[in-house]
């Protein structure tokens, strides 16, 4: 089996990826250097203290958190993962046919079981 000329990847095809990666790394290095040069140089007890709208902190900040907040976070992750898998399925819905439809129904049923378990 011969490969068509358009199937051959050249190193220059990856140049946009290399440029974007270099720009991202360059921006991070630039931000760290500027922060070091412009940022505050002296630490003191007053500068390191937490500032809450000018009010002094009261009590311990390490109090237990209600389980309902964790429940909300887990539900967010559950629905976020659902959307991540449903978007490509919706784009290719017609090509997948009935097998793809039943696969998605199975996936949704498993997510529903997880949802009921969490609630």
Protein backbone atom coordinates (compact mmCIF):
# COMPACT_ATOMS: atom_id res chain seq x y z
CA UNK A 1 0.00 0.00 0.00
CA UNK A 2 1.49 3.28 -1.10
CA UNK A 3 1.02 6.49 0.79
CA UNK A 4 -0.39 9.47 -1.00
CA UNK A 5 1.75 12.64 -1.05
CA UNK A 6 -0.70 14.40 1.29
CA UNK A 7 -0.26 11.61 3.89
CA UNK A 8 3.45 12.29 4.38
CA UNK A 9 4.08 14.52 7.38
CA UNK A 10 7.05 16.83 7.26
CA UNK A 11 8.75 18.45 10.26
CA UNK A 12 7.46 21.81 9.03
CA UNK A 13 3.90 20.58 9.62
CA UNK A 14 4.58 20.70 13.36
CA UNK A 15 5.94 24.26 13.30
CA UNK A 16 2.71 25.93 14.57
CA UNK A 17 2.72 23.58 17.56
CA UNK A 18 6.38 24.33 18.29
CA UNK A 19 5.76 28.08 18.00
CA UNK A 20 2.78 27.94 20.36
CA UNK A 21 4.69 25.83 22.88
CA UNK A 22 7.69 28.20 22.73
CA UNK A 23 5.40 31.22 23.17
CA UNK A 24 3.73 29.63 26.20
CA UNK A 25 7.04 28.74 27.86
CA UNK A 26 8.42 32.19 27.00
CA UNK A 27 5.41 33.89 28.58
CA UNK A 28 5.80 31.88 31.79
CA UNK A 29 9.50 32.71 32.03
CA UNK A 30 8.77 36.39 31.27
CA UNK A 31 6.07 36.53 33.97
CA UNK A 32 8.38 34.95 36.57
CA UNK A 33 11.25 37.33 35.75
CA UNK A 34 9.00 40.42 35.81
CA UNK A 35 7.46 39.30 39.10
CA UNK A 36 10.92 38.89 40.60
CA UNK A 37 12.09 42.31 39.36
CA UNK A 38 8.97 44.33 40.14
CA UNK A 39 7.53 42.41 43.09
CA UNK A 40 7.92 43.33 46.75
CA UNK A 41 11.35 42.73 48.23
CA UNK A 42 10.74 42.90 51.97
CA UNK A 43 8.51 40.62 53.99
CA UNK A 44 7.03 41.69 57.27
CA UNK A 45 4.39 40.41 59.64
CA UNK A 46 1.92 43.06 58.45
CA UNK A 47 2.52 42.34 54.75
CA UNK A 48 2.16 38.59 55.24
CA UNK A 49 -1.09 38.90 57.21
CA UNK A 50 -4.38 38.00 55.52
CA UNK A 51 -6.42 41.02 54.44
CA UNK A 52 -10.19 40.61 54.56
CA UNK A 53 -11.78 43.95 53.67
CA UNK A 54 -9.94 45.66 56.49
CA UNK A 55 -11.45 43.40 59.16
CA UNK A 56 -9.40 41.29 61.50
CA UNK A 57 -9.78 37.54 61.09
CA UNK A 58 -11.87 35.86 63.77
CA UNK A 59 -11.51 32.21 64.72
CA UNK A 60 -9.72 29.36 63.05
CA UNK A 61 -9.85 29.15 59.25
CA UNK A 62 -9.46 25.36 59.33
CA UNK A 63 -13.01 24.50 60.29
CA UNK A 64 -14.65 21.41 58.79
CA UNK A 65 -16.43 21.93 55.47
CA UNK A 66 -19.93 20.60 54.92
CA UNK A 67 -20.20 17.43 52.85
CA UNK A 68 -22.77 19.17 50.62
CA UNK A 69 -19.96 21.21 49.03
CA UNK A 70 -18.13 18.03 48.08
CA UNK A 71 -21.37 16.66 46.68
CA UNK A 72 -21.71 19.73 44.47
CA UNK A 73 -18.14 19.30 43.24
CA UNK A 74 -18.69 15.62 42.43
CA UNK A 75 -21.90 16.44 40.54
CA UNK A 76 -20.03 19.08 38.54
CA UNK A 77 -17.33 16.57 37.59
CA UNK A 78 -19.97 13.98 36.69
CA UNK A 79 -21.79 16.30 34.30
CA UNK A 80 -18.55 17.76 32.96
CA UNK A 81 -17.30 14.30 31.99
CA UNK A 82 -20.69 13.57 30.46
CA UNK A 83 -20.47 16.62 28.20
CA UNK A 84 -16.87 15.79 27.24
CA UNK A 85 -18.02 12.43 25.86
CA UNK A 86 -21.36 13.59 24.47
CA UNK A 87 -20.00 16.38 22.27
CA UNK A 88 -18.01 14.14 19.88
CA UNK A 89 -20.89 11.67 19.86
CA UNK A 90 -23.35 14.41 18.88
CA UNK A 91 -21.07 15.61 16.08
CA UNK A 92 -20.83 12.08 14.61
CA UNK A 93 -24.35 10.96 15.48
CA UNK A 94 -25.44 10.05 11.94
CA UNK A 95 -22.28 8.12 11.08
CA UNK A 96 -22.39 6.04 14.29
CA UNK A 97 -25.83 4.60 13.58
CA UNK A 98 -27.84 2.55 16.03
CA UNK A 99 -24.73 1.02 17.63
CA UNK A 100 -23.51 4.48 18.58
CA UNK A 101 -26.97 5.38 19.87
CA UNK A 102 -27.15 2.32 22.12
CA UNK A 103 -23.59 2.89 23.29
CA UNK A 104 -24.55 6.41 24.37
CA UNK A 105 -27.68 5.10 26.08
CA UNK A 106 -25.49 2.66 28.02
CA UNK A 107 -23.11 5.48 28.94
CA UNK A 108 -26.01 7.69 30.08
CA UNK A 109 -27.43 4.81 32.14
CA UNK A 110 -24.08 4.38 33.92
CA UNK A 111 -23.95 8.10 34.63
CA UNK A 112 -27.52 7.97 35.92
CA UNK A 113 -26.52 5.17 38.30
CA UNK A 114 -23.63 7.33 39.53
CA UNK A 115 -25.95 10.31 39.90
CA UNK A 116 -28.47 8.31 41.94
CA UNK A 117 -25.65 6.90 44.08
CA UNK A 118 -24.33 10.39 44.84
CA UNK A 119 -27.75 11.79 45.69
